[in-house]
Protein backbone atom coordinates (compact mmCIF):
# COMPACT_ATOMS: atom_id res chain seq x y z
CA MET A 1 21.95 -12.75 9.62
CA ASP A 2 20.17 -9.51 10.59
CA ASP A 3 19.78 -8.51 6.95
CA GLN A 4 18.19 -11.84 6.09
CA LEU A 5 15.80 -11.46 9.02
CA THR A 6 14.93 -7.93 7.85
CA ILE A 7 14.15 -9.21 4.35
CA ALA A 8 11.99 -12.03 5.73
CA ILE A 9 10.06 -9.67 8.01
CA ARG A 10 9.46 -7.15 5.20
CA LEU A 11 8.12 -9.90 2.94
CA LEU A 12 5.91 -11.20 5.75
CA VAL A 13 4.54 -7.69 6.33
CA ALA A 14 3.87 -7.40 2.56
CA ALA A 15 1.96 -10.69 2.63
CA CYS A 16 -0.10 -9.50 5.61
CA ALA A 17 -0.88 -6.17 3.91
CA LEU A 18 -1.98 -8.07 0.81
CA ILE A 19 -4.99 -9.44 2.71
CA PRO A 20 -6.73 -6.09 3.42
CA PHE A 21 -5.75 -4.92 -0.08
CA VAL A 22 -7.70 -7.81 -1.61
CA VAL A 23 -10.62 -7.39 0.83
CA PHE A 24 -10.96 -3.66 0.11
CA LEU A 25 -10.57 -4.19 -3.63
CA VAL A 26 -13.27 -6.88 -3.73
CA SER A 27 -15.51 -4.68 -1.57
CA TYR A 28 -14.99 -1.77 -3.96
CA LEU A 29 -15.81 -3.92 -6.97
CA ARG A 30 -19.07 -4.99 -5.31
CA THR A 31 -20.20 -1.61 -3.99
CA ARG A 32 -18.34 0.95 -6.15
CA MET A 33 -17.76 3.08 -3.03
CA THR A 34 -14.86 5.37 -3.91
CA ARG A 35 -13.47 5.44 -0.38
CA LEU A 36 -12.98 1.66 -0.50
CA LEU A 37 -10.91 2.11 -3.64
CA PHE A 38 -8.64 4.64 -1.91
CA ALA A 39 -8.22 2.32 1.08
CA ALA A 40 -7.37 -0.56 -1.28
CA LEU A 41 -4.83 1.63 -3.08
CA GLY A 42 -3.28 2.59 0.26
CA PHE A 43 -2.74 -1.05 1.17
CA GLY A 44 -1.55 -1.80 -2.37
CA VAL A 45 1.13 0.89 -2.15
CA TYR A 46 2.09 -0.53 1.26
CA VAL A 47 2.59 -3.98 -0.27
CA VAL A 48 4.70 -2.52 -3.09
CA LYS A 49 6.75 -0.50 -0.59
CA GLU A 50 7.61 -3.54 1.52
CA VAL A 51 8.57 -5.63 -1.52
CA LEU A 52 10.74 -2.84 -2.93
CA LEU A 53 12.44 -2.25 0.41
CA ALA A 54 13.08 -5.97 0.86
CA GLY A 55 14.64 -5.97 -2.62
CA GLY A 56 16.70 -2.89 -1.76
CA VAL A 57 18.01 -4.48 1.41
CA PHE A 58 18.78 -7.58 -0.61
CA THR A 59 20.88 -5.61 -3.10
CA ILE A 60 22.84 -4.01 -0.24
CA VAL A 61 23.56 -7.47 1.16
CA VAL A 62 24.61 -8.77 -2.28
CA ASN A 63 26.85 -5.73 -2.83
CA ALA A 64 28.59 -6.32 0.49
CA LYS A 65 29.57 -9.78 -0.74
CA ASN A 66 30.18 -8.80 -4.38
CA PRO A 67 31.31 -5.19 -4.90
CA HIS A 68 30.64 -5.36 -8.67
CA ALA A 69 26.90 -6.04 -8.23
CA PRO A 70 24.47 -3.13 -8.73
CA THR A 71 23.28 -1.69 -5.44
CA VAL A 72 20.93 0.73 -3.76
CA THR A 73 22.34 3.03 -1.09
CA HIS A 74 20.81 3.50 2.35
CA SER A 75 19.93 7.12 1.51
CA GLN A 76 18.10 6.02 -1.64
CA LEU A 77 16.15 3.46 0.40
CA ALA A 78 15.27 6.11 2.98
CA LEU A 79 14.04 8.47 0.25
CA LEU A 80 11.97 5.70 -1.35
CA GLU A 81 10.48 4.73 1.99
CA ALA A 82 9.60 8.34 2.88
CA GLY A 83 7.94 8.98 -0.49
CA LEU A 84 5.90 5.79 -0.34
CA ASP A 85 4.90 6.49 3.28
CA LEU A 86 3.61 9.89 2.18
CA ALA A 87 1.58 8.28 -0.63
CA ILE A 88 0.12 5.71 1.78
CA ILE A 89 -0.90 8.33 4.34
CA VAL A 90 -2.46 10.57 1.67
CA LEU A 91 -4.49 7.65 0.27
CA PHE A 92 -5.75 6.68 3.73
CA VAL A 93 -6.65 10.29 4.58
CA VAL A 94 -8.54 10.64 1.29
CA ALA A 95 -10.35 7.36 2.04
CA LEU A 96 -11.37 8.65 5.47
CA LEU A 97 -12.37 12.15 4.38
CA TRP A 98 -13.99 11.30 1.03
CA LYS A 99 -17.37 12.95 1.06
CA GLN A 100 -19.92 10.47 -0.13
CA GLY A 101 -22.73 11.57 -2.38
CA ALA A 102 -26.30 11.88 -1.18
CA SER A 103 -28.61 8.93 -1.49
CA GLU A 104 -31.22 8.69 -4.22
CA ASP A 105 -33.99 9.81 -1.87
CA GLY A 106 -31.93 12.75 -0.57
CA LYS A 107 -31.22 11.36 2.91
CA ALA A 108 -27.73 11.74 4.30
CA GLY A 109 -25.49 8.78 5.04
CA ALA A 110 -26.32 6.46 2.18
CA GLY A 111 -23.09 7.23 0.34
CA ASP A 112 -21.92 6.11 -3.04
CA LYS A 113 -24.23 3.38 -4.24
CA LYS A 114 -24.60 1.33 -7.34
CA GLY A 115 -27.61 1.88 -9.53
CA SER A 116 -30.75 -0.13 -8.91
CA VAL A 117 -30.15 -3.83 -8.45
């Protein structure tokens, strides 16, 4: 029962993370601000992580009931989770620290902008 609840929660978290992923991606496509792309990628990796971990937990549950089924070990899941967490944090840090270019008139703070509209 706990494993099924874990799978359901991971998939719910993935669905919730999908919302800011789409928002940041659409915002990037409209503005072409590079930092929005990195933020979108961070949420995208988070969605993938949760889906993969839910699948990994599912294979452990299946293997407990059928020993001949392919499985993922807990240590492999921990390694996968740690690697994806690192990728997520790096993408968010890059999004926060990305130095935006100067505006067309040379004033600071305008950031990455599309060409004339």
